[in-house]
Amino acid sequence: MQLIIGVSYFLLHEKESGIIIGRCGLHNWNPEHFRAEIGYNMIEENFKRKGFMSEALEAIIAYGFSELNLNRIEALVAPGNVPSIRLLVKNNFIQEAVLKQHYFHEGKFEDSIVFALLRADYFENI
């Protein structure tokens, strides 16, 4: 058995100034099972809600399916992270499950919502 957990993150930078405004990429990559988890965050608050992360997510998803030959891209999201949920739904991710008390954050256990996008669904919708 071979298990490779890798990270492939890309930095988002603002074109005019060149400052890094966020990250987007794939981690927990498991080539044996053709899946990875997508992650992203916007560092600079004033660049949120301008479509930059949506553009980056589209490119990372295409990279995962076309270059890494993934069959499945997963995302874990906090239930209160409405912007992230909207971004995933916009990119055709489907909610599959809720992981109860999945992580410990600021002194309490919190849930994670599991979203996934399958290769066949992705190519059907592009």
N, C-alpha and C. Protein backbone atom coordinates (compact mmCIF):
# COMPACT_ATOMS: atom_id res chain seq x y z
N MET A 1 0.84 -1.18 0.00
CA MET A 1 0.00 0.00 0.00
C MET A 1 0.88 1.24 0.00
N GLN A 2 0.48 2.22 -0.79
CA GLN A 2 1.22 3.48 -0.84
C GLN A 2 0.25 4.60 -0.49
N LEU A 3 0.63 5.39 0.48
CA LEU A 3 -0.17 6.53 0.88
C LEU A 3 0.70 7.76 0.80
N ILE A 4 0.29 8.68 -0.03
CA ILE A 4 1.04 9.93 -0.18
C ILE A 4 0.11 11.06 0.22
N ILE A 5 0.53 11.78 1.22
CA ILE A 5 -0.24 12.95 1.62
C ILE A 5 0.60 14.15 1.23
N GLY A 6 0.15 14.84 0.24
CA GLY A 6 0.92 15.96 -0.29
C GLY A 6 0.15 17.25 -0.21
N VAL A 7 0.84 18.30 -0.47
CA VAL A 7 0.24 19.62 -0.47
C VAL A 7 0.63 20.31 -1.77
N SER A 8 -0.35 20.89 -2.41
CA SER A 8 -0.11 21.64 -3.64
C SER A 8 -0.90 22.94 -3.53
N TYR A 9 -0.31 23.93 -2.85
CA TYR A 9 -0.99 25.21 -2.67
C TYR A 9 -0.44 26.26 -3.61
N PHE A 10 -1.31 27.12 -4.06
CA PHE A 10 -0.94 28.21 -4.93
C PHE A 10 -1.27 29.51 -4.22
N LEU A 11 -0.41 30.49 -4.38
CA LEU A 11 -0.62 31.79 -3.76
C LEU A 11 -1.38 32.69 -4.73
N LEU A 12 -2.32 33.43 -4.19
CA LEU A 12 -3.07 34.41 -4.97
C LEU A 12 -2.44 35.77 -4.67
N HIS A 13 -2.12 36.49 -5.72
CA HIS A 13 -1.56 37.82 -5.49
C HIS A 13 -2.32 38.85 -6.31
N GLU A 14 -2.37 40.03 -5.76
CA GLU A 14 -3.03 41.15 -6.42
C GLU A 14 -2.13 41.62 -7.56
N LYS A 15 -2.69 41.76 -8.75
CA LYS A 15 -1.88 42.04 -9.94
C LYS A 15 -1.11 43.34 -9.87
N GLU A 16 -1.75 44.40 -9.38
CA GLU A 16 -1.09 45.71 -9.39
C GLU A 16 0.05 45.80 -8.39
N SER A 17 -0.18 45.37 -7.15
CA SER A 17 0.83 45.52 -6.11
C SER A 17 1.72 44.29 -5.93
N GLY A 18 1.21 43.13 -6.34
CA GLY A 18 1.94 41.89 -6.16
C GLY A 18 1.83 41.29 -4.77
N ILE A 19 1.05 41.93 -3.88
CA ILE A 19 0.94 41.39 -2.53
C ILE A 19 0.11 40.10 -2.54
N ILE A 20 0.48 39.19 -1.65
CA ILE A 20 -0.24 37.93 -1.54
C ILE A 20 -1.54 38.19 -0.79
N ILE A 21 -2.65 37.79 -1.40
CA ILE A 21 -3.96 38.05 -0.80
C ILE A 21 -4.66 36.76 -0.35
N GLY A 22 -4.15 35.60 -0.76
CA GLY A 22 -4.78 34.36 -0.34
C GLY A 22 -4.04 33.14 -0.84
N ARG A 23 -4.61 31.97 -0.50
CA ARG A 23 -4.05 30.68 -0.92
C ARG A 23 -5.19 29.78 -1.35
N CYS A 24 -4.89 28.89 -2.27
CA CYS A 24 -5.86 27.90 -2.71
C CYS A 24 -5.09 26.69 -3.21
N GLY A 25 -5.56 25.51 -2.87
CA GLY A 25 -4.84 24.34 -3.34
C GLY A 25 -5.42 23.04 -2.86
N LEU A 26 -4.67 21.99 -3.12
CA LEU A 26 -5.08 20.63 -2.77
C LEU A 26 -4.14 20.07 -1.72
N HIS A 27 -4.70 19.38 -0.74
CA HIS A 27 -3.90 18.71 0.27
C HIS A 27 -4.54 17.36 0.59
N ASN A 28 -3.92 16.60 1.46
CA ASN A 28 -4.40 15.23 1.74
C ASN A 28 -4.61 14.45 0.45
N TRP A 29 -3.67 14.64 -0.47
CA TRP A 29 -3.75 13.98 -1.78
C TRP A 29 -3.42 12.51 -1.61
N ASN A 30 -4.28 11.65 -2.12
CA ASN A 30 -4.07 10.21 -2.04
C ASN A 30 -4.18 9.64 -3.45
N PRO A 31 -3.05 9.51 -4.16
CA PRO A 31 -3.08 9.04 -5.55
C PRO A 31 -3.62 7.63 -5.71
N GLU A 32 -3.42 6.79 -4.70
CA GLU A 32 -3.90 5.42 -4.78
C GLU A 32 -5.44 5.36 -4.89
N HIS A 33 -6.09 6.34 -4.27
CA HIS A 33 -7.55 6.38 -4.30
C HIS A 33 -8.08 7.53 -5.17
N PHE A 34 -7.17 8.24 -5.85
CA PHE A 34 -7.54 9.29 -6.81
C PHE A 34 -8.40 10.39 -6.17
N ARG A 35 -8.01 10.82 -4.97
CA ARG A 35 -8.77 11.88 -4.30
C ARG A 35 -7.83 12.83 -3.57
N ALA A 36 -8.35 14.04 -3.33
CA ALA A 36 -7.64 15.05 -2.56
C ALA A 36 -8.67 15.98 -1.94
N GLU A 37 -8.21 16.76 -0.97
CA GLU A 37 -9.07 17.74 -0.31
C GLU A 37 -8.65 19.13 -0.78
N ILE A 38 -9.64 19.96 -1.06
CA ILE A 38 -9.35 21.33 -1.49
C ILE A 38 -9.43 22.24 -0.27
N GLY A 39 -8.55 23.22 -0.24
CA GLY A 39 -8.55 24.20 0.83
C GLY A 39 -8.23 25.57 0.27
N TYR A 40 -8.70 26.60 0.94
CA TYR A 40 -8.49 27.96 0.46
C TYR A 40 -8.73 28.94 1.59
N ASN A 41 -8.07 30.08 1.51
CA ASN A 41 -8.36 31.18 2.43
C ASN A 41 -7.89 32.49 1.82
N MET A 42 -8.63 33.51 2.13
CA MET A 42 -8.29 34.86 1.69
C MET A 42 -7.66 35.57 2.88
N ILE A 43 -6.42 35.99 2.74
CA ILE A 43 -5.69 36.63 3.83
C ILE A 43 -6.15 38.07 4.02
N GLU A 44 -6.25 38.77 2.92
CA GLU A 44 -6.59 40.19 2.96
C GLU A 44 -8.11 40.38 2.92
N GLU A 45 -8.66 40.91 3.97
CA GLU A 45 -10.12 41.08 4.11
C GLU A 45 -10.71 41.93 2.99
N ASN A 46 -10.01 42.96 2.56
CA ASN A 46 -10.57 43.87 1.54
C ASN A 46 -10.63 43.24 0.15
N PHE A 47 -10.11 42.03 -0.03
CA PHE A 47 -10.20 41.35 -1.32
C PHE A 47 -11.30 40.29 -1.35
N LYS A 48 -11.99 40.12 -0.24
CA LYS A 48 -13.08 39.14 -0.19
C LYS A 48 -14.29 39.66 -0.96
N ARG A 49 -15.11 38.72 -1.43
CA ARG A 49 -16.36 39.02 -2.15
C ARG A 49 -16.13 39.81 -3.44
N LYS A 50 -15.01 39.54 -4.10
CA LYS A 50 -14.72 40.20 -5.38
C LYS A 50 -14.50 39.19 -6.50
N GLY A 51 -14.72 37.90 -6.20
CA GLY A 51 -14.61 36.87 -7.23
C GLY A 51 -13.24 36.26 -7.39
N PHE A 52 -12.25 36.73 -6.62
CA PHE A 52 -10.89 36.21 -6.78
C PHE A 52 -10.80 34.73 -6.38
N MET A 53 -11.42 34.37 -5.25
CA MET A 53 -11.34 32.98 -4.81
C MET A 53 -12.14 32.07 -5.72
N SER A 54 -13.22 32.56 -6.24
CA SER A 54 -14.00 31.77 -7.19
C SER A 54 -13.17 31.44 -8.43
N GLU A 55 -12.45 32.42 -8.93
CA GLU A 55 -11.56 32.23 -10.08
C GLU A 55 -10.46 31.23 -9.76
N ALA A 56 -9.88 31.35 -8.57
CA ALA A 56 -8.80 30.44 -8.17
C ALA A 56 -9.33 29.02 -7.98
N LEU A 57 -10.49 28.88 -7.36
CA LEU A 57 -11.05 27.56 -7.12
C LEU A 57 -11.33 26.84 -8.44
N GLU A 58 -11.84 27.54 -9.41
CA GLU A 58 -12.10 26.93 -10.73
C GLU A 58 -10.81 26.38 -11.33
N ALA A 59 -9.72 27.14 -11.21
CA ALA A 59 -8.43 26.70 -11.76
C ALA A 59 -7.88 25.49 -11.01
N ILE A 60 -8.01 25.48 -9.69
CA ILE A 60 -7.49 24.37 -8.89
C ILE A 60 -8.30 23.10 -9.15
N ILE A 61 -9.59 23.23 -9.29
CA ILE A 61 -10.43 22.07 -9.59
C ILE A 61 -10.04 21.49 -10.95
N ALA A 62 -9.89 22.34 -11.95
CA ALA A 62 -9.48 21.88 -13.28
C ALA A 62 -8.11 21.20 -13.21
N TYR A 63 -7.19 21.77 -12.46
CA TYR A 63 -5.86 21.19 -12.27
C TYR A 63 -5.95 19.80 -11.64
N GLY A 64 -6.78 19.67 -10.62
CA GLY A 64 -6.92 18.40 -9.93
C GLY A 64 -7.45 17.29 -10.82
N PHE A 65 -8.46 17.61 -11.60
CA PHE A 65 -9.03 16.59 -12.47
C PHE A 65 -8.19 16.35 -13.72
N SER A 66 -7.64 17.38 -14.29
CA SER A 66 -6.90 17.23 -15.55
C SER A 66 -5.44 16.82 -15.37
N GLU A 67 -4.75 17.41 -14.39
CA GLU A 67 -3.32 17.16 -14.21
C GLU A 67 -3.02 16.05 -13.20
N LEU A 68 -3.78 16.00 -12.12
CA LEU A 68 -3.53 15.00 -11.08
C LEU A 68 -4.38 13.75 -11.26
N ASN A 69 -5.25 13.77 -12.25
CA ASN A 69 -6.11 12.63 -12.56
C ASN A 69 -6.98 12.21 -11.37
N LEU A 70 -7.47 13.19 -10.61
CA LEU A 70 -8.32 12.88 -9.46
C LEU A 70 -9.69 12.43 -9.93
N ASN A 71 -10.31 11.60 -9.14
CA ASN A 71 -11.70 11.21 -9.36
C ASN A 71 -12.63 11.96 -8.42
N ARG A 72 -12.08 12.46 -7.31
CA ARG A 72 -12.89 13.08 -6.27
C ARG A 72 -12.10 14.19 -5.60
N ILE A 73 -12.75 15.33 -5.44
CA ILE A 73 -12.18 16.43 -4.66
C ILE A 73 -13.15 16.70 -3.52
N GLU A 74 -12.62 16.68 -2.30
CA GLU A 74 -13.43 16.87 -1.11
C GLU A 74 -13.15 18.22 -0.48
N ALA A 75 -14.12 18.70 0.30
CA ALA A 75 -13.94 19.93 1.07
C ALA A 75 -14.64 19.75 2.42
N LEU A 76 -14.00 20.21 3.48
CA LEU A 76 -14.59 20.20 4.81
C LEU A 76 -14.80 21.64 5.24
N VAL A 77 -16.03 21.96 5.64
CA VAL A 77 -16.37 23.36 5.92
C VAL A 77 -17.13 23.45 7.24
N ALA A 78 -16.84 24.47 8.01
CA ALA A 78 -17.60 24.75 9.23
C ALA A 78 -19.02 25.16 8.84
N PRO A 79 -20.03 24.69 9.56
CA PRO A 79 -21.42 25.02 9.22
C PRO A 79 -21.71 26.52 9.14
N GLY A 80 -21.01 27.33 9.91
CA GLY A 80 -21.25 28.76 9.89
C GLY A 80 -20.51 29.51 8.81
N ASN A 81 -19.71 28.83 8.02
CA ASN A 81 -18.92 29.49 6.98
C ASN A 81 -19.74 29.57 5.69
N VAL A 82 -20.74 30.42 5.70
CA VAL A 82 -21.68 30.54 4.58
C VAL A 82 -21.00 30.94 3.28
N PRO A 83 -20.05 31.89 3.27
CA PRO A 83 -19.39 32.22 2.00
C PRO A 83 -18.68 31.02 1.36
N SER A 84 -18.04 30.19 2.19
CA SER A 84 -17.35 29.02 1.67
C SER A 84 -18.35 28.00 1.13
N ILE A 85 -19.44 27.80 1.82
CA ILE A 85 -20.48 26.88 1.36
C ILE A 85 -21.04 27.35 0.02
N ARG A 86 -21.30 28.63 -0.10
CA ARG A 86 -21.81 29.19 -1.37
C ARG A 86 -20.81 28.98 -2.51
N LEU A 87 -19.54 29.17 -2.22
CA LEU A 87 -18.49 28.99 -3.22
C LEU A 87 -18.45 27.54 -3.71
N LEU A 88 -18.55 26.60 -2.79
CA LEU A 88 -18.53 25.19 -3.17
C LEU A 88 -19.76 24.82 -3.99
N VAL A 89 -20.93 25.26 -3.55
CA VAL A 89 -22.17 24.97 -4.28
C VAL A 89 -22.11 25.57 -5.68
N LYS A 90 -21.59 26.79 -5.79
CA LYS A 90 -21.44 27.44 -7.10
C LYS A 90 -20.58 26.61 -8.04
N ASN A 91 -19.63 25.87 -7.47
CA ASN A 91 -18.73 25.03 -8.26
C ASN A 91 -19.18 23.57 -8.30
N ASN A 92 -20.47 23.34 -8.06
CA ASN A 92 -21.13 22.03 -8.21
C ASN A 92 -20.72 20.97 -7.20
N PHE A 93 -20.16 21.38 -6.06
CA PHE A 93 -19.91 20.43 -4.99
C PHE A 93 -21.25 20.05 -4.35
N ILE A 94 -21.35 18.81 -3.90
CA ILE A 94 -22.55 18.28 -3.27
C ILE A 94 -22.26 18.00 -1.80
N GLN A 95 -23.17 18.42 -0.94
CA GLN A 95 -23.03 18.09 0.48
C GLN A 95 -23.33 16.62 0.68
N GLU A 96 -22.40 15.93 1.35
CA GLU A 96 -22.55 14.49 1.56
C GLU A 96 -22.82 14.10 3.01
N ALA A 97 -22.26 14.83 3.96
CA ALA A 97 -22.38 14.41 5.35
C ALA A 97 -22.02 15.55 6.30
N VAL A 98 -22.31 15.32 7.56
CA VAL A 98 -21.85 16.20 8.62
C VAL A 98 -21.05 15.35 9.59
N LEU A 99 -19.83 15.77 9.84
CA LEU A 99 -18.97 15.08 10.80
C LEU A 99 -19.15 15.78 12.15
N LYS A 100 -19.81 15.13 13.06
CA LYS A 100 -20.11 15.71 14.37
C LYS A 100 -18.85 15.84 15.22
N GLN A 101 -18.71 17.01 15.85
CA GLN A 101 -17.58 17.31 16.73
C GLN A 101 -16.26 16.89 16.09
N HIS A 102 -16.07 17.32 14.88
CA HIS A 102 -14.93 16.90 14.05
C HIS A 102 -13.62 17.56 14.43
N TYR A 103 -13.67 18.79 14.91
CA TYR A 103 -12.43 19.46 15.30
C TYR A 103 -12.65 20.30 16.55
N PHE A 104 -11.56 20.59 17.23
CA PHE A 104 -11.58 21.36 18.47
C PHE A 104 -11.09 22.76 18.16
N HIS A 105 -11.93 23.75 18.40
CA HIS A 105 -11.61 25.13 18.02
C HIS A 105 -12.05 26.07 19.14
N GLU A 106 -11.12 26.86 19.62
CA GLU A 106 -11.39 27.86 20.65
C GLU A 106 -12.16 27.28 21.83
N GLY A 107 -11.68 26.14 22.31
CA GLY A 107 -12.22 25.56 23.52
C GLY A 107 -13.47 24.71 23.38
N LYS A 108 -13.90 24.45 22.14
CA LYS A 108 -15.09 23.60 21.98
C LYS A 108 -14.99 22.76 20.71
N PHE A 109 -15.73 21.68 20.71
CA PHE A 109 -15.79 20.81 19.54
C PHE A 109 -16.79 21.36 18.55
N GLU A 110 -16.42 21.34 17.26
CA GLU A 110 -17.30 21.85 16.22
C GLU A 110 -17.43 20.85 15.09
N ASP A 111 -18.55 20.93 14.38
CA ASP A 111 -18.83 20.02 13.27
C ASP A 111 -18.14 20.48 11.99
N SER A 112 -18.05 19.57 11.04
CA SER A 112 -17.60 19.88 9.68
C SER A 112 -18.62 19.32 8.71
N ILE A 113 -18.92 20.07 7.68
CA ILE A 113 -19.77 19.59 6.60
C ILE A 113 -18.84 19.06 5.50
N VAL A 114 -19.13 17.86 5.01
CA VAL A 114 -18.34 17.25 3.94
C VAL A 114 -19.02 17.53 2.61
N PHE A 115 -18.27 18.16 1.70
CA PHE A 115 -18.72 18.38 0.34
C PHE A 115 -17.78 17.61 -0.59
N ALA A 116 -18.29 17.22 -1.76
CA ALA A 116 -17.43 16.55 -2.73
C ALA A 116 -17.88 16.87 -4.15
N LEU A 117 -16.92 16.82 -5.05
CA LEU A 117 -17.16 16.96 -6.48
C LEU A 117 -16.48 15.78 -7.17
N LEU A 118 -17.25 15.04 -7.94
CA LEU A 118 -16.71 13.89 -8.66
C LEU A 118 -16.30 14.29 -10.07
N ARG A 119 -15.30 13.61 -10.57
CA ARG A 119 -14.76 13.86 -11.91
C ARG A 119 -15.86 13.86 -12.98
N ALA A 120 -16.70 12.83 -12.99
CA ALA A 120 -17.76 12.72 -14.01
C ALA A 120 -18.71 13.92 -13.95
N ASP A 121 -19.06 14.35 -12.75
CA ASP A 121 -19.95 15.49 -12.60
C ASP A 121 -19.29 16.78 -13.06
N TYR A 122 -18.00 16.90 -12.78
CA TYR A 122 -17.26 18.09 -13.20
C TYR A 122 -17.25 18.19 -14.73
N PHE A 123 -16.86 17.12 -15.42
CA PHE A 123 -16.77 17.17 -16.88
C PHE A 123 -18.14 17.26 -17.54
N GLU A 124 -19.17 16.83 -16.86
CA GLU A 124 -20.53 16.95 -17.39
C GLU A 124 -20.99 18.40 -17.38
N ASN A 125 -20.45 19.20 -16.45
CA ASN A 125 -20.92 20.58 -16.25
C ASN A 125 -20.01 21.65 -16.85
N ILE A 126 -18.88 21.27 -17.48
CA ILE A 126 -18.03 22.33 -18.05
C ILE A 126 -18.34 22.54 -19.51
